[in-house]
C-alpha atoms as a PDB file:
ATOM      1  CA  UNK A   1      11.184   5.900  11.419  1.00  0.00           C
ATOM      2  CA  UNK A   2      12.813   4.840   8.169  1.00  0.00           C
ATOM      3  CA  UNK A   3      11.623   1.539   6.757  1.00  0.00           C
ATOM      4  CA  UNK A   4      14.041  -1.338   7.286  1.00  0.00           C
ATOM      5  CA  UNK A   5      11.981  -3.967   5.452  1.00  0.00           C
ATOM      6  CA  UNK A   6      13.513  -5.410   2.303  1.00  0.00           C
ATOM      7  CA  UNK A   7      11.199  -5.311  -0.721  1.00  0.00           C
ATOM      8  CA  UNK A   8      12.307  -8.815  -1.713  1.00  0.00           C
ATOM      9  CA  UNK A   9      10.269 -10.097   1.242  1.00  0.00           C
ATOM     10  CA  UNK A  10       7.214  -9.721  -1.002  1.00  0.00           C
ATOM     11  CA  UNK A  11       6.802 -12.707  -3.269  1.00  0.00           C
ATOM     12  CA  UNK A  12       4.745 -11.106  -6.043  1.00  0.00           C
ATOM     13  CA  UNK A  13       5.438  -8.205  -8.354  1.00  0.00           C
ATOM     14  CA  UNK A  14       2.207  -6.559  -7.160  1.00  0.00           C
ATOM     15  CA  UNK A  15       3.384  -6.659  -3.549  1.00  0.00           C
ATOM     16  CA  UNK A  16       6.762  -5.216  -4.499  1.00  0.00           C
ATOM     17  CA  UNK A  17       5.142  -2.488  -6.604  1.00  0.00           C
ATOM     18  CA  UNK A  18       2.848  -1.433  -3.757  1.00  0.00           C
ATOM     19  CA  UNK A  19       5.791  -1.502  -1.351  1.00  0.00           C
ATOM     20  CA  UNK A  20       7.753   0.805  -3.678  1.00  0.00           C
ATOM     21  CA  UNK A  21       4.815   3.196  -4.089  1.00  0.00           C
ATOM     22  CA  UNK A  22       4.260   3.434  -0.347  1.00  0.00           C
ATOM     23  CA  UNK A  23       7.959   3.875   0.376  1.00  0.00           C
ATOM     24  CA  UNK A  24       8.158   6.723  -2.142  1.00  0.00           C
ATOM     25  CA  UNK A  25       5.205   8.441  -0.480  1.00  0.00           C
ATOM     26  CA  UNK A  26       6.482   8.087   3.090  1.00  0.00           C
ATOM     27  CA  UNK A  27       9.520   6.045   4.050  1.00  0.00           C
ATOM     28  CA  UNK A  28       8.056   5.022   7.405  1.00  0.00           C
ATOM     29  CA  UNK A  29       7.966   1.400   8.518  1.00  0.00           C
ATOM     30  CA  UNK A  30       4.701   1.710  10.482  1.00  0.00           C
ATOM     31  CA  UNK A  31       2.926   3.289   7.493  1.00  0.00           C
ATOM     32  CA  UNK A  32       4.227   0.728   5.002  1.00  0.00           C
ATOM     33  CA  UNK A  33       3.710  -2.368   7.161  1.00  0.00           C
ATOM     34  CA  UNK A  34       0.313  -1.188   8.389  1.00  0.00           C
ATOM     35  CA  UNK A  35      -0.940  -0.478   4.891  1.00  0.00           C
ATOM     36  CA  UNK A  36       0.413  -3.696   3.401  1.00  0.00           C
ATOM     37  CA  UNK A  37      -1.034  -5.797   6.215  1.00  0.00           C
ATOM     38  CA  UNK A  38      -4.438  -4.217   5.616  1.00  0.00           C
ATOM     39  CA  UNK A  39      -4.646  -5.258   1.946  1.00  0.00           C
ATOM     40  CA  UNK A  40      -4.006  -8.983   1.713  1.00  0.00           C
ATOM     41  CA  UNK A  41      -3.595 -10.603  -1.692  1.00  0.00           C
ATOM     42  CA  UNK A  42      -2.674  -9.272  -5.085  1.00  0.00           C
ATOM     43  CA  UNK A  43      -6.217  -8.322  -6.080  1.00  0.00           C
ATOM     44  CA  UNK A  44      -6.672  -5.963  -3.138  1.00  0.00           C
ATOM     45  CA  UNK A  45      -3.134  -4.643  -3.443  1.00  0.00           C
ATOM     46  CA  UNK A  46      -3.720  -3.891  -7.126  1.00  0.00           C
ATOM     47  CA  UNK A  47      -6.885  -1.965  -6.244  1.00  0.00           C
ATOM     48  CA  UNK A  48      -4.865   0.194  -3.879  1.00  0.00           C
ATOM     49  CA  UNK A  49      -2.137   0.679  -6.486  1.00  0.00           C
ATOM     50  CA  UNK A  50      -4.750   1.729  -9.042  1.00  0.00           C
ATOM     51  CA  UNK A  51      -6.292   4.177  -6.572  1.00  0.00           C
ATOM     52  CA  UNK A  52      -2.935   5.740  -5.724  1.00  0.00           C
ATOM     53  CA  UNK A  53      -1.851   6.033  -9.362  1.00  0.00           C
ATOM     54  CA  UNK A  54      -5.167   7.099 -10.915  1.00  0.00           C
ATOM     55  CA  UNK A  55      -5.929   9.700  -8.257  1.00  0.00           C
ATOM     56  CA  UNK A  56      -2.275  10.719  -7.806  1.00  0.00           C
ATOM     57  CA  UNK A  57      -2.658  10.266  -4.033  1.00  0.00           C
ATOM     58  CA  UNK A  58       0.277  11.207  -1.819  1.00  0.00           C
ATOM     59  CA  UNK A  59      -1.549  11.754   1.487  1.00  0.00           C
ATOM     60  CA  UNK A  60      -0.650   8.893   3.830  1.00  0.00           C
ATOM     61  CA  UNK A  61      -3.874   9.203   5.835  1.00  0.00           C
ATOM     62  CA  UNK A  62      -5.989   8.923   2.695  1.00  0.00           C
ATOM     63  CA  UNK A  63      -4.037   5.842   1.622  1.00  0.00           C
ATOM     64  CA  UNK A  64      -4.557   4.173   5.007  1.00  0.00           C
ATOM     65  CA  UNK A  65      -8.299   4.898   4.839  1.00  0.00           C
ATOM     66  CA  UNK A  66      -8.502   3.563   1.280  1.00  0.00           C
ATOM     67  CA  UNK A  67      -6.641   0.403   2.310  1.00  0.00           C
ATOM     68  CA  UNK A  68      -9.172  -0.149   5.109  1.00  0.00           C
ATOM     69  CA  UNK A  69     -12.072   0.334   2.694  1.00  0.00           C
ATOM     70  CA  UNK A  70     -10.559  -2.085   0.191  1.00  0.00           C
ATOM     71  CA  UNK A  71      -9.973  -4.653   2.953  1.00  0.00           C
ATOM     72  CA  UNK A  72     -13.637  -4.298   3.969  1.00  0.00           C
ATOM     73  CA  UNK A  73     -14.816  -4.748   0.384  1.00  0.00           C
ATOM     74  CA  UNK A  74     -15.963  -1.145  -0.022  1.00  0.00           C
ATOM     75  CA  UNK A  75     -15.539   0.302  -3.504  1.00  0.00           C
ATOM     76  CA  UNK A  76     -13.355   3.390  -3.593  1.00  0.00           C
END
């Protein structure tokens, strides 16, 4: 299912950047919304962005797992 959420819904540049990264990996609303809802706040979102960019991650399942770990305070 293609994502119908508008990126302007996110108030910070970090939120918009993560939205864009996720959408480029898999343009699926459930994936994007689920991942973004897992990592609340710019600090956690930036950690996920760093993980995706530094490790060049494109596997949606790995991103979802990393988001869960970040939300739980586990270092990735």
